[in-house]
């Protein structure tokens, strides 16, 4: 009998090693130049090549904590990009790439760049494998490459205060994202992608980040003479109005972190934060109110104007047309406020909601203006979220009313404002909108 068949029959283990080397499927390998690296990935049964945990910046640890990201200037040698990297530590500035198996370097496929959400407090690329986009795009006859990025969150990437502003270390998470986009421009062609066909795409905080990337540096997205992206998609987020980095709220966040870090008595409080071990700084950064809590979408950590990376509140930048002139899609879900109103069960009267909104959202509005606003949500059966459910699901006396208000403030009204302002500022740039409605609801 043929020798290879004989080997297979003689040993049950030979199914692995008896196949000639030239017949085995090699791991997909890509060589990039900025920085120099050979990246070894893997191919799944879904026929998608996966490259995980590719560094795009120097790890922001030690003296680089709370500093702008630094591009990698040295050769990385061979990277075994087969394991997922969680965003649970400081060595998190990595990207994942997914492409249809067999894609050649000259394929010039369109590229989707995914920015995950999580209230700028949680999340990572580990939550979004993305391989399904590769398989679906192939079935549709329109293959694409998907890239997902990690970026610094919470106090690591969006710490506030005058000290941060003076140090030039505000909006680090946005700068991480921008450096990742520059990595895409430098290297995605080696994976078979076309750097001139990049769409940035995000959900929730990722969607807010997408518009922030459009509006960074007053809309300057040019890198070595070419735009970093040609289009944008925003799911459940867009232009969140915000006060400056060194606003009263921003300073309060900084002082709270410094106090809980044990740095209040330090001569240089910012340097003290940099010198803490990871766990101690993490606990201090997390000592401020979080999005899934009483303060809800009045978030502690958001990208905020610092005069450079972001020169003004995003809604004002839209009005002034200071954002990249790229087509975009923006949309949201109908009942998105429901999760953010679960933590305020002490709000049982209209006056309670007035106090809540005045203390956390509308600092400069008169009490009467806030009352007039709340009065537009007259009846929870008609105006309460989840909508079209009558008196059902009102978990506490003002729950459905607050759900509707928070959903409108954070998602629906910001979307409508973006569309209205964009049509006036750049009427020649196409944009599309959607709202997803649950048709299965009934009274």
Protein backbone atom coordinates (compact mmCIF):
# COMPACT_ATOMS: atom_id res chain seq x y z
CA UNK A 1 0.00 0.00 0.00
CA UNK A 2 1.14 3.65 -0.39
CA UNK A 3 3.46 4.62 2.46
CA UNK A 4 1.31 7.51 3.78
CA UNK A 5 -1.82 5.33 3.92
CA UNK A 6 0.19 2.66 5.72
CA UNK A 7 1.28 5.15 8.38
CA UNK A 8 -2.30 6.31 8.93
CA UNK A 9 -3.59 2.77 9.36
CA UNK A 10 -0.80 1.83 11.76
CA UNK A 11 -1.27 4.69 14.21
CA UNK A 12 -4.39 6.57 15.31
CA UNK A 13 -2.19 9.56 16.16
CA UNK A 14 -0.74 9.74 12.68
CA UNK A 15 -3.77 11.65 11.40
CA UNK A 16 -2.01 14.74 12.71
CA UNK A 17 1.61 14.18 11.80
CA UNK A 18 1.40 11.90 8.77
CA UNK A 19 0.12 14.64 6.43
CA UNK A 20 3.06 16.06 4.46
CA UNK A 21 4.11 19.54 5.62
CA UNK A 22 3.38 21.08 2.23
CA UNK A 23 -0.26 19.95 2.54
CA UNK A 24 -0.95 21.55 5.93
CA UNK A 25 -2.65 24.94 6.09
CA UNK A 26 -0.10 27.49 7.31
CA UNK A 27 -1.11 30.11 9.81
CA UNK A 28 -1.88 33.39 8.04
CA UNK A 29 1.13 35.68 8.32
CA UNK A 30 1.38 39.39 7.57
CA UNK A 31 4.47 41.59 7.57
CA UNK A 32 3.97 45.27 8.49
CA UNK A 33 6.41 48.15 8.45
CA UNK A 34 5.18 50.74 10.99
CA UNK A 35 6.38 49.37 13.33
CA UNK A 36 8.29 46.49 11.77
CA UNK A 37 6.66 43.22 12.75
CA UNK A 38 5.71 39.79 11.46
CA UNK A 39 2.21 39.00 12.64
CA UNK A 40 1.10 35.38 12.84
CA UNK A 41 -2.64 34.81 13.15
CA UNK A 42 -5.02 31.89 12.95
CA UNK A 43 -7.85 30.74 10.72
CA UNK A 44 -11.13 29.47 12.15
CA UNK A 45 -13.66 27.03 10.77
CA UNK A 46 -15.60 30.10 9.64
CA UNK A 47 -12.84 30.74 7.09
CA UNK A 48 -11.88 34.03 8.67
CA UNK A 49 -8.27 34.96 9.40
CA UNK A 50 -7.91 36.33 12.93
CA UNK A 51 -5.08 38.51 14.20
CA UNK A 52 -5.44 39.44 17.87
CA UNK A 53 -3.66 41.78 20.24
CA UNK A 54 -1.44 43.65 17.79
CA UNK A 55 0.22 46.55 19.67
CA UNK A 56 -0.20 49.99 18.10
CA UNK A 57 1.38 52.06 20.90
CA UNK A 58 3.95 51.79 23.65
CA UNK A 59 2.19 50.43 26.77
CA UNK A 60 1.16 53.53 28.81
CA UNK A 61 2.60 52.29 32.10
CA UNK A 62 4.94 53.80 34.66
CA UNK A 63 5.89 57.34 33.72
CA UNK A 64 3.68 57.05 30.60
CA UNK A 65 0.51 56.61 32.66
CA UNK A 66 -1.82 59.58 32.09
CA UNK A 67 0.30 60.67 29.13
CA UNK A 68 -0.55 60.83 25.40
CA UNK A 69 0.05 57.53 23.57
CA UNK A 70 3.47 57.02 22.03
CA UNK A 71 3.93 55.29 18.66
CA UNK A 72 6.17 52.24 18.67
CA UNK A 73 9.59 53.06 17.22
CA UNK A 74 11.31 49.68 17.49
CA UNK A 75 10.95 46.40 15.63
CA UNK A 76 8.53 44.01 17.34
CA UNK A 77 9.89 40.89 15.69
CA UNK A 78 7.32 38.10 15.40
CA UNK A 79 3.97 38.55 17.13
CA UNK A 80 1.88 35.45 17.83
CA UNK A 81 -1.47 37.19 17.37
CA UNK A 82 -3.62 34.21 18.27
CA UNK A 83 -4.85 35.15 21.78
CA UNK A 84 -7.48 37.74 22.65
CA UNK A 85 -6.31 40.72 24.72
CA UNK A 86 -8.69 41.97 27.40
CA UNK A 87 -8.77 45.67 28.23
CA UNK A 88 -8.32 44.88 31.92
CA UNK A 89 -4.80 46.24 32.35
CA UNK A 90 -2.63 49.12 31.25
CA UNK A 91 -0.97 47.18 28.43
CA UNK A 92 -4.16 47.43 26.43
CA UNK A 93 -3.39 49.53 23.35
CA UNK A 94 -3.88 46.84 20.75
CA UNK A 95 -5.97 46.13 17.68
CA UNK A 96 -7.63 42.99 16.31
CA UNK A 97 -7.99 42.34 12.58
CA UNK A 98 -10.48 40.03 10.86
CA UNK A 99 -10.36 39.28 7.15
CA UNK A 100 -11.82 36.63 4.83
CA UNK A 101 -9.41 33.72 4.68
CA UNK A 102 -7.20 33.82 1.63
CA UNK A 103 -7.28 37.59 1.25
CA UNK A 104 -4.19 38.75 -0.61
CA UNK A 105 -2.20 41.88 0.14
CA UNK A 106 -3.34 43.51 -3.10
CA UNK A 107 -7.08 42.90 -2.48
CA UNK A 108 -7.79 46.51 -1.44
CA UNK A 109 -10.90 45.56 0.53
CA UNK A 110 -13.02 48.19 2.35
CA UNK A 111 -12.23 48.45 6.06
CA UNK A 112 -14.63 48.76 9.02
CA UNK A 113 -12.95 50.14 12.16
CA UNK A 114 -14.98 49.27 15.27
CA UNK A 115 -14.91 51.38 18.45
CA UNK A 116 -16.66 49.56 21.30
CA UNK A 117 -19.00 51.17 23.83
CA UNK A 118 -19.44 50.88 27.58
CA UNK A 119 -19.92 54.38 28.92
CA UNK A 120 -16.18 55.08 28.60
CA UNK A 121 -15.86 52.94 31.72
CA UNK A 122 -15.89 49.33 30.57
CA UNK A 123 -15.52 47.13 27.49
CA UNK A 124 -12.79 45.76 25.25
CA UNK A 125 -12.27 44.17 21.87
CA UNK A 126 -12.69 40.81 23.61
CA UNK A 127 -16.45 41.40 23.60
CA UNK A 128 -16.61 41.75 19.81
CA UNK A 129 -15.07 38.93 17.83
CA UNK A 130 -16.27 40.37 14.53
CA UNK A 131 -15.72 37.22 12.48
CA UNK A 132 -19.40 37.15 11.49
CA UNK A 133 -18.86 40.33 9.47
CA UNK A 134 -16.20 38.56 7.48
CA UNK A 135 -18.40 35.57 6.67
CA UNK A 136 -21.49 37.70 5.99
CA UNK A 137 -19.60 40.08 3.72
CA UNK A 138 -18.30 37.17 1.67
CA UNK A 139 -21.79 35.69 1.31
CA UNK A 140 -23.03 39.08 0.09
CA UNK A 141 -20.22 39.24 -2.44
CA UNK A 142 -18.86 42.37 -0.75
CA UNK A 143 -15.94 41.20 1.41
CA UNK A 144 -14.62 43.60 4.06
CA UNK A 145 -11.90 43.71 6.67
CA UNK A 146 -12.91 44.48 10.27
CA UNK A 147 -10.51 46.06 12.74
CA UNK A 148 -11.36 46.62 16.41
CA UNK A 149 -9.30 48.79 18.74
CA UNK A 150 -8.75 49.00 22.46
CA UNK A 151 -8.37 52.41 24.08
CA UNK A 152 -7.92 53.70 27.62
CA UNK A 153 -11.10 54.02 29.68
CA UNK A 154 -12.24 55.77 32.84
CA UNK A 155 -9.60 57.59 34.85
CA UNK A 156 -6.83 56.02 32.78
CA UNK A 157 -7.98 57.65 29.57
CA UNK A 158 -10.37 60.47 30.48
CA UNK A 159 -9.29 61.96 33.79
CA UNK A 160 -10.41 65.56 34.25
CA UNK A 161 -9.27 68.70 36.03
CA UNK A 162 -7.05 71.74 35.60
CA UNK A 163 -3.98 69.66 36.44
CA UNK A 164 -4.73 67.30 33.56
CA UNK A 165 -5.39 70.21 31.22
CA UNK A 166 -2.12 71.95 32.10
CA UNK A 167 -0.19 68.69 31.62
CA UNK A 168 -1.59 68.19 28.10
CA UNK A 169 -3.06 64.86 29.16
CA UNK A 170 -6.78 65.36 28.55
CA UNK A 171 -8.80 63.12 26.23
CA UNK A 172 -6.16 60.39 26.16
CA UNK A 173 -8.74 57.81 25.08
CA UNK A 174 -9.48 59.85 21.96
CA UNK A 175 -5.78 60.17 21.26
CA UNK A 176 -5.44 56.39 21.61
CA UNK A 177 -8.19 55.97 19.02
CA UNK A 178 -6.52 58.45 16.67
CA UNK A 179 -3.20 56.65 16.91
CA UNK A 180 -4.97 53.37 16.14
CA UNK A 181 -6.47 54.99 13.02
CA UNK A 182 -3.01 56.10 11.99
CA UNK A 183 -1.83 52.51 12.47
CA UNK A 184 -4.63 51.47 10.10
CA UNK A 185 -3.45 54.00 7.51
CA UNK A 186 0.12 52.71 7.81
CA UNK A 187 -0.51 48.98 7.86
CA UNK A 188 -3.94 47.81 6.75
CA UNK A 189 -2.83 47.43 3.12
CA UNK A 190 -0.54 44.57 4.21
CA UNK A 191 -3.68 42.71 5.36
CA UNK A 192 -5.41 43.34 2.02
CA UNK A 193 -7.30 46.45 3.11
CA UNK A 194 -7.60 49.78 1.34
CA UNK A 195 -6.63 52.72 3.62
CA UNK A 196 -8.66 55.04 1.40
CA UNK A 197 -11.86 53.05 2.11
CA UNK A 198 -12.06 53.18 5.91
CA UNK A 199 -15.38 53.56 7.74
CA UNK A 200 -15.26 54.28 11.47
CA UNK A 201 -18.11 52.66 13.37
CA UNK A 202 -19.10 52.62 17.02
CA UNK A 203 -21.87 51.97 19.51
CA UNK A 204 -22.83 54.03 22.59
CA UNK A 205 -19.55 55.49 23.90
CA UNK A 206 -18.04 54.16 20.69
CA UNK A 207 -20.56 56.18 18.68
CA UNK A 208 -19.75 59.30 20.70
CA UNK A 209 -16.11 58.52 19.94
CA UNK A 210 -16.88 58.31 16.22
CA UNK A 211 -18.20 61.84 16.15
CA UNK A 212 -15.33 62.98 18.38
CA UNK A 213 -12.94 61.56 15.78
CA UNK A 214 -14.82 63.48 13.10
CA UNK A 215 -14.51 66.68 15.17
CA UNK A 216 -11.02 66.28 16.66
CA UNK A 217 -8.69 69.16 15.88
CA UNK A 218 -11.73 70.99 14.46
CA UNK A 219 -12.27 68.33 11.82
CA UNK A 220 -8.67 67.76 10.72
CA UNK A 221 -8.43 64.05 9.93
CA UNK A 222 -5.55 64.32 7.45
CA UNK A 223 -2.57 62.02 7.95
CA UNK A 224 0.34 62.20 5.51
CA UNK A 225 -1.84 64.04 3.03
CA UNK A 226 -4.84 61.67 3.10
CA UNK A 227 -7.98 61.42 5.29
CA UNK A 228 -7.98 58.70 7.93
CA UNK A 229 -11.56 57.68 7.11
CA UNK A 230 -14.12 58.31 4.39
CA UNK A 231 -17.40 57.61 6.27
CA UNK A 232 -18.84 57.05 9.72
CA UNK A 233 -21.57 55.05 11.50
CA UNK A 234 -22.92 55.96 14.94
CA UNK A 235 -25.17 53.48 16.77
CA UNK A 236 -26.82 54.86 19.93
CA UNK A 237 -24.69 57.93 20.47
CA UNK A 238 -23.45 61.04 18.69
CA UNK A 239 -22.88 64.58 19.98
CA UNK A 240 -23.03 64.52 23.78
CA UNK A 241 -22.98 68.14 25.08
CA UNK A 242 -20.22 68.54 27.67
CA UNK A 243 -18.48 71.14 29.81
CA UNK A 244 -14.69 71.68 29.62
CA UNK A 245 -12.08 69.42 31.18
CA UNK A 246 -11.44 71.95 33.95
CA UNK A 247 -15.09 72.72 34.69
CA UNK A 248 -16.46 72.54 38.21
CA UNK A 249 -17.57 68.96 37.62
CA UNK A 250 -14.26 68.00 36.06
CA UNK A 251 -12.32 69.41 38.99
CA UNK A 252 -14.55 67.58 41.45
CA UNK A 253 -13.79 64.29 39.70
CA UNK A 254 -10.05 64.96 39.88
CA UNK A 255 -10.11 65.84 43.57
CA UNK A 256 -12.16 62.74 44.36
CA UNK A 257 -9.69 60.48 42.57
CA UNK A 258 -6.72 62.20 44.22
CA UNK A 259 -8.28 61.92 47.68
CA UNK A 260 -9.11 58.23 47.34
CA UNK A 261 -5.65 57.56 45.93
CA UNK A 262 -4.09 59.04 49.06
CA UNK A 263 -2.41 61.78 47.03
CA UNK A 264 -4.09 64.87 48.49
CA UNK A 265 -1.02 65.88 50.47
CA UNK A 266 1.44 65.38 47.61
CA UNK A 267 3.33 68.35 46.22
CA UNK A 268 2.46 67.14 42.70
CA UNK A 269 -0.83 65.24 42.86
CA UNK A 270 -0.69 64.18 39.21
CA UNK A 271 2.77 62.72 39.59
CA UNK A 272 1.57 60.94 42.70
CA UNK A 273 -1.18 59.26 40.65
CA UNK A 274 1.39 58.13 38.10
CA UNK A 275 3.51 56.50 40.79
CA UNK A 276 0.70 54.38 42.28
CA UNK A 277 0.55 50.67 41.62
CA UNK A 278 -2.10 49.62 39.11
CA UNK A 279 -4.71 48.33 41.56
CA UNK A 280 -4.56 51.36 43.83
CA UNK A 281 -4.94 53.78 40.94
CA UNK A 282 -7.74 51.66 39.45
CA UNK A 283 -9.68 51.73 42.73
CA UNK A 284 -9.22 55.50 43.05
CA UNK A 285 -10.29 56.10 39.45
CA UNK A 286 -13.41 53.98 40.05
CA UNK A 287 -14.36 55.83 43.25
CA UNK A 288 -16.41 58.42 41.33
CA UNK A 289 -20.05 57.80 40.27
CA UNK A 290 -20.41 55.32 37.40
CA UNK A 291 -22.87 55.19 34.51
CA UNK A 292 -24.75 52.19 35.91
CA UNK A 293 -25.66 53.96 39.11
CA UNK A 294 -27.64 56.86 40.55
CA UNK A 295 -25.89 59.54 38.43
CA UNK A 296 -26.58 57.49 35.31
CA UNK A 297 -25.70 59.23 32.03
CA UNK A 298 -24.37 62.28 33.89
CA UNK A 299 -21.07 60.49 33.51
CA UNK A 300 -17.86 61.17 35.40
CA UNK A 301 -15.71 60.29 32.42
CA UNK A 302 -16.45 61.72 29.00
CA UNK A 303 -14.31 63.34 26.31
CA UNK A 304 -14.43 67.06 27.07
CA UNK A 305 -13.16 70.27 25.47
CA UNK A 306 -9.53 70.98 26.28
CA UNK A 307 -8.80 73.66 23.65
CA UNK A 308 -6.79 71.37 21.37
CA UNK A 309 -7.90 67.79 20.82
CA UNK A 310 -11.48 68.94 21.31
CA UNK A 311 -11.84 72.71 21.09
CA UNK A 312 -15.53 72.98 22.06
CA UNK A 313 -18.51 70.86 23.02
CA UNK A 314 -19.39 68.52 20.12
CA UNK A 315 -22.83 70.08 19.58
CA UNK A 316 -21.17 73.47 19.09
CA UNK A 317 -18.60 72.03 16.69
CA UNK A 318 -21.45 70.68 14.54
CA UNK A 319 -23.13 74.08 14.42
CA UNK A 320 -19.85 75.67 13.32
CA UNK A 321 -19.14 72.93 10.76
CA UNK A 322 -15.88 72.02 12.48
CA UNK A 323 -15.93 68.32 11.70
CA UNK A 324 -14.76 66.08 8.87
CA UNK A 325 -16.97 66.27 5.79
CA UNK A 326 -17.76 62.57 5.48
CA UNK A 327 -21.12 60.82 4.92
CA UNK A 328 -22.52 59.30 8.10
CA UNK A 329 -25.30 57.11 9.47
CA UNK A 330 -26.66 57.80 12.95
CA UNK A 331 -29.41 55.98 14.84
CA UNK A 332 -30.60 54.68 18.18
CA UNK A 333 -33.03 52.32 19.89
CA UNK A 334 -36.39 53.56 21.10
CA UNK A 335 -36.19 52.59 24.79
CA UNK A 336 -32.53 53.13 25.60
CA UNK A 337 -33.28 55.13 28.73
CA UNK A 338 -34.79 52.16 30.55
CA UNK A 339 -31.48 50.71 31.80
CA UNK A 340 -30.24 54.11 32.99
CA UNK A 341 -33.30 54.79 35.17
CA UNK A 342 -33.08 51.61 37.24
CA UNK A 343 -31.07 53.16 40.07
CA UNK A 344 -33.17 56.18 41.13
CA UNK A 345 -36.07 54.56 42.99
CA UNK A 346 -36.10 57.42 45.52
CA UNK A 347 -37.50 59.73 42.81
CA UNK A 348 -41.21 59.49 43.53
CA UNK A 349 -42.50 62.99 42.64
CA UNK A 350 -42.10 65.58 39.90
CA UNK A 351 -40.13 67.79 42.28
CA UNK A 352 -37.72 64.93 42.85
CA UNK A 353 -37.06 64.72 39.10
CA UNK A 354 -36.59 68.50 38.93
CA UNK A 355 -33.97 68.30 41.68
CA UNK A 356 -32.29 65.34 40.00
CA UNK A 357 -32.01 67.02 36.60
CA UNK A 358 -30.92 70.35 38.06
CA UNK A 359 -28.20 68.84 40.24
CA UNK A 360 -26.76 66.48 37.62
CA UNK A 361 -27.64 67.79 34.16
CA UNK A 362 -28.98 71.33 33.80
CA UNK A 363 -26.74 73.42 36.05
CA UNK A 364 -27.53 76.72 34.32
CA UNK A 365 -31.25 76.22 33.72
CA UNK A 366 -33.91 77.80 35.91
CA UNK A 367 -36.11 75.55 37.97
CA UNK A 368 -39.14 76.73 35.99
CA UNK A 369 -37.50 75.78 32.68
CA UNK A 370 -36.84 72.30 34.01
CA UNK A 371 -40.43 72.01 35.23
CA UNK A 372 -41.72 73.07 31.82
CA UNK A 373 -39.50 70.47 30.18
CA UNK A 374 -40.67 67.66 32.48
CA UNK A 375 -44.30 68.69 31.93
CA UNK A 376 -44.00 67.62 28.28
CA UNK A 377 -43.89 64.03 29.62
CA UNK A 378 -47.45 64.17 30.89
CA UNK A 379 -48.68 60.61 31.18
CA UNK A 380 -46.52 57.52 31.67
CA UNK A 381 -49.03 55.47 29.69
CA UNK A 382 -48.40 57.62 26.62
CA UNK A 383 -45.05 59.30 27.29
CA UNK A 384 -43.29 56.75 29.48
CA UNK A 385 -40.56 54.35 28.36
CA UNK A 386 -40.75 51.50 27.50
CA UNK A 387 -43.25 53.06 25.16
CA UNK A 388 -46.59 51.54 24.14
CA UNK A 389 -46.76 49.37 27.25
CA UNK A 390 -49.46 51.30 29.08
CA UNK A 391 -49.01 51.31 32.84
CA UNK A 392 -46.81 48.20 32.78
CA UNK A 393 -43.12 48.20 33.79
CA UNK A 394 -43.28 51.31 35.98
CA UNK A 395 -40.86 49.90 38.55
CA UNK A 396 -41.16 52.93 40.83
CA UNK A 397 -43.48 55.99 40.68
CA UNK A 398 -41.31 58.04 38.29
CA UNK A 399 -39.45 55.24 36.51
CA UNK A 400 -41.07 55.35 33.06
CA UNK A 401 -41.01 59.13 33.02
CA UNK A 402 -37.30 59.30 33.90
CA UNK A 403 -36.55 56.51 31.42
CA UNK A 404 -38.13 58.52 28.63
CA UNK A 405 -36.28 61.69 29.65
CA UNK A 406 -32.86 60.04 29.92
CA UNK A 407 -33.36 58.19 26.64
CA UNK A 408 -34.33 61.37 24.85
CA UNK A 409 -31.52 63.45 26.35
CA UNK A 410 -28.77 60.98 25.61
CA UNK A 411 -29.84 59.41 22.35
CA UNK A 412 -32.90 60.71 20.49
CA UNK A 413 -32.49 64.47 20.92
CA UNK A 414 -28.73 64.41 20.31
CA UNK A 415 -29.32 62.43 17.13
CA UNK A 416 -31.92 64.92 15.91
CA UNK A 417 -29.70 67.87 16.78
CA UNK A 418 -26.78 66.36 14.89
CA UNK A 419 -28.94 65.81 11.81
CA UNK A 420 -30.47 69.29 11.92
CA UNK A 421 -27.19 71.10 12.48
CA UNK A 422 -25.32 69.00 9.93
CA UNK A 423 -27.91 69.74 7.26
CA UNK A 424 -27.37 73.45 7.83
CA UNK A 425 -23.59 73.32 8.17
CA UNK A 426 -22.86 70.87 5.33
CA UNK A 427 -25.97 70.36 3.25
CA UNK A 428 -23.98 68.73 0.45
CA UNK A 429 -22.67 65.89 2.67
CA UNK A 430 -25.08 62.90 2.74
CA UNK A 431 -26.34 61.55 6.04
CA UNK A 432 -28.90 58.93 7.05
CA UNK A 433 -30.82 58.26 10.24
CA UNK A 434 -32.77 55.42 11.83
CA UNK A 435 -34.60 54.59 15.03
CA UNK A 436 -35.16 50.97 15.98
CA UNK A 437 -38.63 50.33 17.41
CA UNK A 438 -39.80 47.16 19.15
CA UNK A 439 -42.88 46.20 17.15
CA UNK A 440 -43.77 43.33 19.50
CA UNK A 441 -45.02 45.63 22.30
CA UNK A 442 -48.72 45.86 22.98
CA UNK A 443 -50.99 47.25 25.71
